[in-house]
Amino acid sequence: MRICMDITPAVHRRAGLGRYAQELTAALLATDTENEYVAFYNRPSEAYVEPPLDRLPHLTTNLSAKPWRMSALVGHLAHVGQDRLFPGVDLFHATDHLLPRLTQVKSVFTLHDLVFRFYPHTHKPLNRWFLTLMMPRFLKAADAVIAVSRCTKRDVVRLYDLDEAKVKVIHEGVNPRFRRSSPGVISSVLHKYDLRERYILSVGTIEPRKNLTSLLEAYVAIRNQDSQLKLVIVGKRGWLYEGFFRRLHELGLENEVIFPGFVPDEDLPALYSATDLFVFPSLYEGFGLPVLEALACGAPVVTSNTSSLPEVAGEAALLVDPNSVEALARGMRDVLDSRTLRDDLRARGPKQAAKFSWEKAARETLTIYTSLFTS
């Protein structure tokens, strides 16, 4: 087979979707010796293709994100095929919640989450409109659908009345680089980001569904007992972030919360390894990669008891209600106050993370590809 991977979110560094496209494609290249792979992405002039994906032949469109979405929309609504964009391709894997209209090419669609259905106010109106209109069409048109968690499969089968057999659960993985860092590496990375005090860490795009405003308020509640404890939030600004920074100012935390911005993957393990506590209070996740990465590095984790996060964290994290600042603060305080609990969570984390790997995800994904041509 000649398989085309949509690596658009990877080459434009789009957080979780980008990590998925990068890691899965790299794992497929390392695992699959039978098939040929080609990459697809839009806006090539702005793309940054990391190894090993940079060695793939590629297909591109010069359209930016919105026009590319509109072209897919028109293709589906007008029943106009877009196969000409993918010459010689047997199968297209959509990783970016966008599936071109294909009539001759088989397709696999990865569903990451349905946050636009559960928390519509956390999406920009145009994005919400597009996904509301097109998601049922993408799901119906795809020959197979991959859900990144059992939670996501339950949601999509219930909301879109899909045949359960069409939706396969394939968990995301964790790169082997995410493991406890050596003291020397930790010291170097902390110096690089000027982190000289104890800190609580959170990683994720700054946008409403990440629930970071509640984290600010929980931090205020526990900081009174430990004024030396900083809060470090790693991640780029996403959308609708103005309310978060307004609350930051109202709480007077401008000098207490540190924003390193985008942190390259090679530095993240040290930040996870050195933190006193990793907190991920998201309202809804299709999977929750930062939780898995933090666990792999042995960070004590407090995360939400909703959506897919209990599925990812297992018994290796403290689970709390993300809708309750009091519950979040209490969970954070429990971990920070108990050396025994912290050590127990640090020991459980890597064992839980070891259950997930990109190699396993690649093998299971390849099984789906093959089934479309043998059934």
Protein backbone atom coordinates (compact mmCIF):
# COMPACT_ATOMS: atom_id res chain seq x y z
CA MET A 1 0.00 0.00 0.00
CA ARG A 2 0.96 3.62 -0.49
CA ILE A 3 -0.24 5.31 2.69
CA CYS A 4 -0.58 9.07 3.04
CA MET A 5 -0.30 10.46 6.57
CA ASP A 6 -1.72 13.90 7.27
CA ILE A 7 1.08 15.43 9.34
CA THR A 8 -0.33 18.97 9.18
CA PRO A 9 -0.68 19.32 12.97
CA ALA A 10 2.90 18.13 13.47
CA VAL A 11 4.57 20.49 11.00
CA HIS A 12 2.61 23.44 12.40
CA ARG A 13 3.30 22.42 16.03
CA ARG A 14 -0.25 21.99 17.17
CA ALA A 15 0.21 20.57 20.67
CA GLY A 16 -1.57 17.23 21.24
CA LEU A 17 -2.69 16.64 17.65
CA GLY A 18 0.81 17.49 16.49
CA ARG A 19 2.39 15.05 18.92
CA TYR A 20 0.03 12.32 17.75
CA ALA A 21 0.79 12.85 14.04
CA GLN A 22 4.55 13.05 14.64
CA GLU A 23 4.88 10.08 16.97
CA LEU A 24 2.48 7.72 15.21
CA THR A 25 4.01 8.37 11.79
CA ALA A 26 7.54 7.90 13.15
CA ALA A 27 6.50 4.65 14.84
CA LEU A 28 4.88 3.39 11.63
CA LEU A 29 8.06 4.12 9.70
CA ALA A 30 10.07 2.15 12.27
CA THR A 31 7.61 -0.74 12.41
CA ASP A 32 6.24 -1.22 8.90
CA THR A 33 8.65 -2.57 6.30
CA GLU A 34 5.99 -3.63 3.81
CA ASN A 35 4.27 -0.41 2.80
CA GLU A 36 5.26 2.96 1.38
CA TYR A 37 4.49 6.19 3.21
CA VAL A 38 4.00 9.73 1.96
CA ALA A 39 3.28 12.85 4.03
CA PHE A 40 0.63 15.48 3.42
CA TYR A 41 0.44 18.97 4.92
CA ASN A 42 -0.78 22.44 4.05
CA ARG A 43 1.07 25.80 4.01
CA PRO A 44 4.48 24.27 3.15
CA SER A 45 6.21 27.66 3.35
CA GLU A 46 5.46 27.76 7.09
CA ALA A 47 5.98 24.07 7.84
CA TYR A 48 8.74 22.68 10.02
CA VAL A 49 9.16 18.95 9.35
CA GLU A 50 11.12 17.13 12.04
CA PRO A 51 13.03 13.89 11.56
CA PRO A 52 12.25 11.20 10.64
CA LEU A 53 9.24 12.65 8.81
CA ASP A 54 11.49 14.96 6.80
CA ARG A 55 12.69 12.02 4.71
CA LEU A 56 9.21 11.17 3.46
CA PRO A 57 8.04 12.19 -0.01
CA HIS A 58 5.34 14.77 0.48
CA LEU A 59 2.16 16.15 -1.03
CA THR A 60 1.07 19.66 -0.13
CA THR A 61 -1.46 22.37 -0.73
CA ASN A 62 -0.62 26.04 -0.45
CA LEU A 63 -3.97 26.74 1.19
CA SER A 64 -3.82 28.01 4.76
CA ALA A 65 -5.94 26.42 7.47
CA LYS A 66 -9.31 28.08 6.87
CA PRO A 67 -9.32 27.84 3.04
CA TRP A 68 -8.20 24.20 3.29
CA ARG A 69 -11.07 23.46 5.65
CA MET A 70 -13.49 25.21 3.33
CA SER A 71 -12.27 23.19 0.35
CA ALA A 72 -12.96 19.96 2.27
CA LEU A 73 -16.38 21.30 3.28
CA VAL A 74 -17.28 22.14 -0.33
CA GLY A 75 -16.00 18.76 -1.50
CA HIS A 76 -18.31 16.90 0.87
CA LEU A 77 -21.38 19.11 0.47
CA ALA A 78 -21.07 19.30 -3.34
CA HIS A 79 -19.99 15.66 -3.69
CA VAL A 80 -16.81 16.69 -5.50
CA GLY A 81 -13.91 14.28 -5.06
CA GLN A 82 -10.46 15.56 -4.05
CA ASP A 83 -8.57 12.41 -4.98
CA ARG A 84 -6.49 14.37 -7.49
CA LEU A 85 -4.56 15.84 -4.56
CA PHE A 86 -3.33 12.36 -3.63
CA PRO A 87 -1.98 10.71 -6.81
CA GLY A 88 -1.00 7.09 -6.38
CA VAL A 89 -2.24 6.97 -2.79
CA ASP A 90 -4.15 3.89 -1.63
CA LEU A 91 -5.06 5.06 1.86
CA PHE A 92 -5.28 8.47 3.56
CA HIS A 93 -5.01 8.76 7.35
CA ALA A 94 -6.70 11.91 8.66
CA THR A 95 -5.09 12.96 11.96
CA ASP A 96 -6.32 16.57 12.06
CA HIS A 97 -10.13 16.31 12.37
CA LEU A 98 -10.34 17.02 8.65
CA LEU A 99 -11.03 14.46 5.92
CA PRO A 100 -10.94 15.50 2.25
CA ARG A 101 -13.70 14.16 0.03
CA LEU A 102 -12.24 10.90 -1.32
CA THR A 103 -13.97 8.55 -3.74
CA GLN A 104 -11.12 6.29 -4.90
CA VAL A 105 -8.83 6.39 -1.85
CA LYS A 106 -9.54 4.47 1.36
CA SER A 107 -9.52 6.55 4.53
CA VAL A 108 -8.92 6.25 8.27
CA PHE A 109 -10.07 9.06 10.54
CA THR A 110 -8.59 9.59 14.00
CA LEU A 111 -11.06 11.11 16.44
CA HIS A 112 -9.18 12.85 19.24
CA ASP A 113 -12.10 14.32 21.17
CA LEU A 114 -15.58 15.81 20.97
CA VAL A 115 -14.98 18.80 23.20
CA PHE A 116 -16.94 21.05 20.83
CA ARG A 117 -20.05 19.01 21.70
CA PHE A 118 -19.56 18.88 25.47
CA TYR A 119 -18.02 22.32 26.08
CA PRO A 120 -18.97 24.42 23.05
CA HIS A 121 -18.14 27.68 24.84
CA THR A 122 -14.46 26.64 24.90
CA HIS A 123 -14.23 26.77 21.08
CA LYS A 124 -14.15 29.70 18.72
CA PRO A 125 -17.56 30.08 17.02
CA LEU A 126 -16.27 29.36 13.50
CA ASN A 127 -14.38 26.27 14.62
CA ARG A 128 -17.43 25.02 16.52
CA TRP A 129 -19.64 25.63 13.49
CA PHE A 130 -17.26 23.77 11.17
CA LEU A 131 -16.92 20.72 13.42
CA THR A 132 -20.65 20.59 14.17
CA LEU A 133 -21.42 20.60 10.46
CA MET A 134 -18.62 18.39 9.20
CA MET A 135 -17.80 15.87 11.94
CA PRO A 136 -20.79 13.59 11.16
CA ARG A 137 -19.84 13.70 7.47
CA PHE A 138 -16.20 12.88 8.17
CA LEU A 139 -17.16 9.99 10.44
CA LYS A 140 -19.59 8.57 7.90
CA ALA A 141 -17.20 8.96 4.96
CA ALA A 142 -14.21 7.31 6.66
CA ASP A 143 -13.72 3.60 6.07
CA ALA A 144 -12.50 3.20 9.66
CA VAL A 145 -12.43 5.44 12.72
CA ILE A 146 -9.75 5.36 15.41
CA ALA A 147 -10.74 6.63 18.86
CA VAL A 148 -7.77 7.46 21.09
CA SER A 149 -9.55 6.23 24.24
CA ARG A 150 -12.48 4.07 25.32
CA CYS A 151 -14.12 7.26 26.56
CA THR A 152 -13.91 8.83 23.11
CA LYS A 153 -15.37 5.70 21.51
CA ARG A 154 -18.31 5.69 23.92
CA ASP A 155 -18.95 9.37 23.20
CA VAL A 156 -18.84 9.07 19.41
CA VAL A 157 -20.95 5.91 19.22
CA ARG A 158 -23.61 7.51 21.44
CA LEU A 159 -23.65 10.98 19.87
CA TYR A 160 -23.37 9.95 16.21
CA ASP A 161 -25.02 6.53 16.28
CA LEU A 162 -21.99 4.90 14.69
CA ASP A 163 -21.63 1.16 14.36
CA GLU A 164 -19.33 0.14 17.23
CA ALA A 165 -17.45 -2.18 14.88
CA LYS A 166 -16.35 0.79 12.77
CA VAL A 167 -14.64 2.49 15.72
CA LYS A 168 -11.42 0.97 17.04
CA VAL A 169 -9.78 2.15 20.27
CA ILE A 170 -6.04 2.69 19.91
CA HIS A 171 -4.45 4.46 22.84
CA GLU A 172 -1.73 7.01 22.27
CA GLY A 173 1.76 6.30 23.55
CA VAL A 174 4.65 7.92 25.31
CA ASN A 175 8.06 8.50 23.74
CA PRO A 176 10.95 6.71 25.54
CA ARG A 177 12.58 10.12 26.08
CA PHE A 178 10.01 10.71 28.81
CA ARG A 179 11.69 9.15 31.83
CA ARG A 180 13.27 10.50 34.99
CA SER A 181 16.14 12.81 34.11
CA SER A 182 19.57 12.72 35.73
CA PRO A 183 20.47 15.38 38.33
CA GLY A 184 22.88 17.01 35.88
CA VAL A 185 20.26 17.34 33.14
CA ILE A 186 17.69 18.63 35.62
CA SER A 187 20.10 21.27 36.89
CA SER A 188 20.91 22.43 33.36
CA VAL A 189 17.27 22.69 32.29
CA LEU A 190 16.19 24.48 35.47
CA HIS A 191 18.99 26.99 34.92
CA LYS A 192 17.90 27.47 31.30
CA TYR A 193 14.39 28.46 32.39
CA ASP A 194 15.56 30.32 35.50
CA LEU A 195 13.65 28.04 37.87
CA ARG A 196 15.38 28.41 41.21
CA GLU A 197 12.55 27.56 43.59
CA ARG A 198 10.16 24.68 44.15
CA TYR A 199 7.31 24.64 41.69
CA ILE A 200 4.00 23.13 40.65
CA LEU A 201 3.91 22.31 36.93
CA SER A 202 1.11 22.24 34.37
CA VAL A 203 1.58 21.59 30.65
CA GLY A 204 -0.94 22.38 27.92
CA THR A 205 -2.21 25.03 25.56
CA ILE A 206 -3.67 28.01 27.39
CA GLU A 207 -7.33 27.78 26.44
CA PRO A 208 -10.62 27.46 28.38
CA ARG A 209 -11.09 23.69 28.47
CA LYS A 210 -7.73 23.25 30.18
CA ASN A 211 -9.38 24.86 33.22
CA LEU A 212 -6.27 26.82 34.14
CA THR A 213 -8.27 29.59 35.79
CA SER A 214 -9.37 27.07 38.42
CA LEU A 215 -5.73 26.08 38.82
CA LEU A 216 -4.85 29.73 39.55
CA GLU A 217 -7.52 29.90 42.23
CA ALA A 218 -6.46 26.57 43.77
CA TYR A 219 -2.85 27.78 43.76
CA VAL A 220 -3.85 30.90 45.68
CA ALA A 221 -5.60 28.71 48.25
CA ILE A 222 -2.51 26.57 48.95
CA ARG A 223 0.16 29.24 48.47
CA ASN A 224 -0.67 30.85 51.80
CA GLN A 225 0.96 27.82 53.44
CA ASP A 226 4.06 27.85 51.21
CA SER A 227 5.01 31.24 49.77
CA GLN A 228 8.13 29.82 48.07
CA LEU A 229 6.13 27.51 45.81
CA LYS A 230 5.84 28.85 42.26
CA LEU A 231 3.40 27.78 39.54
CA VAL A 232 4.89 27.01 36.11
CA ILE A 233 2.52 26.77 33.14
CA VAL A 234 4.17 25.42 29.98
CA GLY A 235 2.36 25.91 26.68
CA LYS A 236 1.47 28.38 23.99
CA ARG A 237 -1.55 30.65 24.02
CA GLY A 238 -4.39 28.94 22.20
CA TRP A 239 -7.74 30.65 21.84
CA LEU A 240 -10.08 32.51 24.18
CA TYR A 241 -7.25 32.91 26.69
CA GLU A 242 -8.08 36.51 27.66
CA GLY A 243 -10.21 35.50 30.65
CA PHE A 244 -7.34 33.47 32.09
CA PHE A 245 -4.89 36.38 32.02
CA ARG A 246 -7.54 38.75 33.35
CA ARG A 247 -8.02 36.45 36.36
CA LEU A 248 -4.25 36.15 36.77
CA HIS A 249 -4.10 39.94 37.12
CA GLU A 250 -7.09 40.08 39.49
CA LEU A 251 -5.45 37.55 41.78
CA GLY A 252 -2.17 39.48 41.75
CA LEU A 253 -0.17 36.50 40.49
CA GLU A 254 1.88 38.18 37.78
CA ASN A 255 5.11 37.55 39.72
CA GLU A 256 4.17 34.13 41.05
CA VAL A 257 3.21 32.28 37.87
CA ILE A 258 5.98 31.54 35.36
CA PHE A 259 5.23 31.14 31.64
CA PRO A 260 8.13 29.55 29.72
CA GLY A 261 5.91 29.37 26.61
CA PHE A 262 6.63 26.58 24.14
CA VAL A 263 9.22 24.18 25.57
CA PRO A 264 10.96 21.74 23.20
CA ASP A 265 10.45 18.06 23.86
CA GLU A 266 14.04 17.51 24.93
CA ASP A 267 13.56 19.83 27.94
CA LEU A 268 10.17 18.59 29.12
CA PRO A 269 11.35 15.39 30.90
CA ALA A 270 13.59 17.41 33.22
CA LEU A 271 10.75 19.81 34.07
CA TYR A 272 8.46 16.86 34.82
CA SER A 273 11.18 15.13 36.85
CA ALA A 274 11.96 18.15 39.03
CA THR A 275 8.45 19.30 39.87
CA ASP A 276 6.98 18.86 43.33
CA LEU A 277 3.58 18.29 41.71
CA PHE A 278 2.12 18.07 38.22
CA VAL A 279 -1.46 19.29 37.90
CA PHE A 280 -3.72 18.77 34.87
CA PRO A 281 -7.25 19.96 35.74
CA SER A 282 -8.72 19.78 32.22
CA LEU A 283 -12.50 19.71 31.88
CA TYR A 284 -12.41 17.21 29.02
CA GLU A 285 -9.71 15.26 27.18
CA GLY A 286 -9.87 12.70 24.42
CA PHE A 287 -6.67 11.21 25.84
CA GLY A 288 -4.41 13.52 27.89
CA LEU A 289 -0.80 13.10 26.75
CA PRO A 290 0.76 15.46 29.32
CA VAL A 291 -0.56 13.25 32.12
CA LEU A 292 1.03 10.18 30.56
CA GLU A 293 4.34 11.98 30.00
CA ALA A 294 4.40 13.27 33.58
CA LEU A 295 3.71 9.77 34.91
CA ALA A 296 6.53 8.35 32.79
CA CYS A 297 8.94 10.83 34.37
CA GLY A 298 7.86 9.94 37.89
CA ALA A 299 6.08 13.19 38.68
CA PRO A 300 3.34 13.03 41.34
CA VAL A 301 0.17 13.83 39.42
CA VAL A 302 -3.18 15.40 40.30
CA THR A 303 -5.65 15.32 37.43
CA SER A 304 -9.36 15.33 36.65
CA ASN A 305 -11.72 12.46 37.36
CA THR A 306 -13.58 13.09 34.09
CA SER A 307 -13.50 12.00 30.43
CA SER A 308 -10.49 9.85 29.46
CA LEU A 309 -8.14 10.96 32.23
CA PRO A 310 -8.93 8.14 34.71
CA GLU A 311 -8.36 5.72 31.82
CA VAL A 312 -4.88 7.14 31.22
CA ALA A 313 -3.85 7.72 34.83
CA GLY A 314 -5.20 4.49 36.29
CA GLU A 315 -4.27 4.27 39.98
CA ALA A 316 -1.06 6.25 39.50
CA ALA A 317 -2.54 9.72 40.06
CA LEU A 318 -4.82 11.51 42.48
CA LEU A 319 -8.14 12.17 40.72
CA VAL A 320 -10.26 15.21 41.61
CA ASP A 321 -13.39 17.01 40.41
CA PRO A 322 -12.15 19.72 38.01
CA ASN A 323 -15.33 21.72 38.53
CA SER A 324 -14.50 22.28 42.22
CA VAL A 325 -11.66 24.63 43.08
CA GLU A 326 -11.91 23.38 46.66
CA ALA A 327 -11.47 19.76 45.58
CA LEU A 328 -8.56 20.69 43.32
CA ALA A 329 -6.81 22.66 46.06
CA ARG A 330 -7.39 19.88 48.59
CA GLY A 331 -5.89 17.28 46.24
CA MET A 332 -2.87 19.47 45.55
CA ARG A 333 -2.38 20.10 49.27
CA ASP A 334 -2.69 16.39 50.11
CA VAL A 335 0.15 15.51 47.75
CA LEU A 336 2.37 18.43 48.76
CA ASP A 337 1.90 17.71 52.48
CA SER A 338 2.56 13.98 52.34
CA ARG A 339 6.01 12.68 51.47
CA THR A 340 4.61 9.15 51.61
CA LEU A 341 1.89 9.93 49.08
CA ARG A 342 4.32 11.73 46.75
CA ASP A 343 6.77 8.83 46.84
CA ASP A 344 3.96 6.34 46.20
CA LEU A 345 2.71 8.31 43.17
CA ARG A 346 6.28 8.72 41.85
CA ALA A 347 6.72 4.94 41.98
CA ARG A 348 3.36 4.16 40.37
CA GLY A 349 3.72 6.60 37.48
CA PRO A 350 6.34 4.89 35.30
CA LYS A 351 4.62 1.51 35.75
CA GLN A 352 1.33 2.95 34.52
CA ALA A 353 3.01 4.77 31.61
CA ALA A 354 4.74 1.56 30.52
CA LYS A 355 1.32 0.22 29.47
CA PHE A 356 1.26 2.73 26.60
CA SER A 357 3.67 2.91 23.66
CA TRP A 358 3.73 4.39 20.17
CA GLU A 359 5.11 1.11 18.85
CA LYS A 360 1.97 -0.66 20.10
CA ALA A 361 -0.21 2.11 18.63
CA ALA A 362 1.57 1.74 15.28
CA ARG A 363 1.08 -2.03 15.17
CA GLU A 364 -2.62 -1.71 15.97
CA THR A 365 -3.04 1.08 13.41
CA LEU A 366 -1.32 -1.01 10.75
CA THR A 367 -3.78 -3.83 11.46
CA ILE A 368 -6.62 -1.46 10.60
CA TYR A 369 -4.91 -0.35 7.38
CA THR A 370 -4.46 -3.96 6.30
CA SER A 371 -8.04 -4.94 7.16
CA LEU A 372 -9.41 -2.35 4.73
CA PHE A 373 -7.76 -4.18 1.83
CA THR A 374 -8.36 -7.77 2.93
CA SER A 375 -11.99 -7.66 4.07
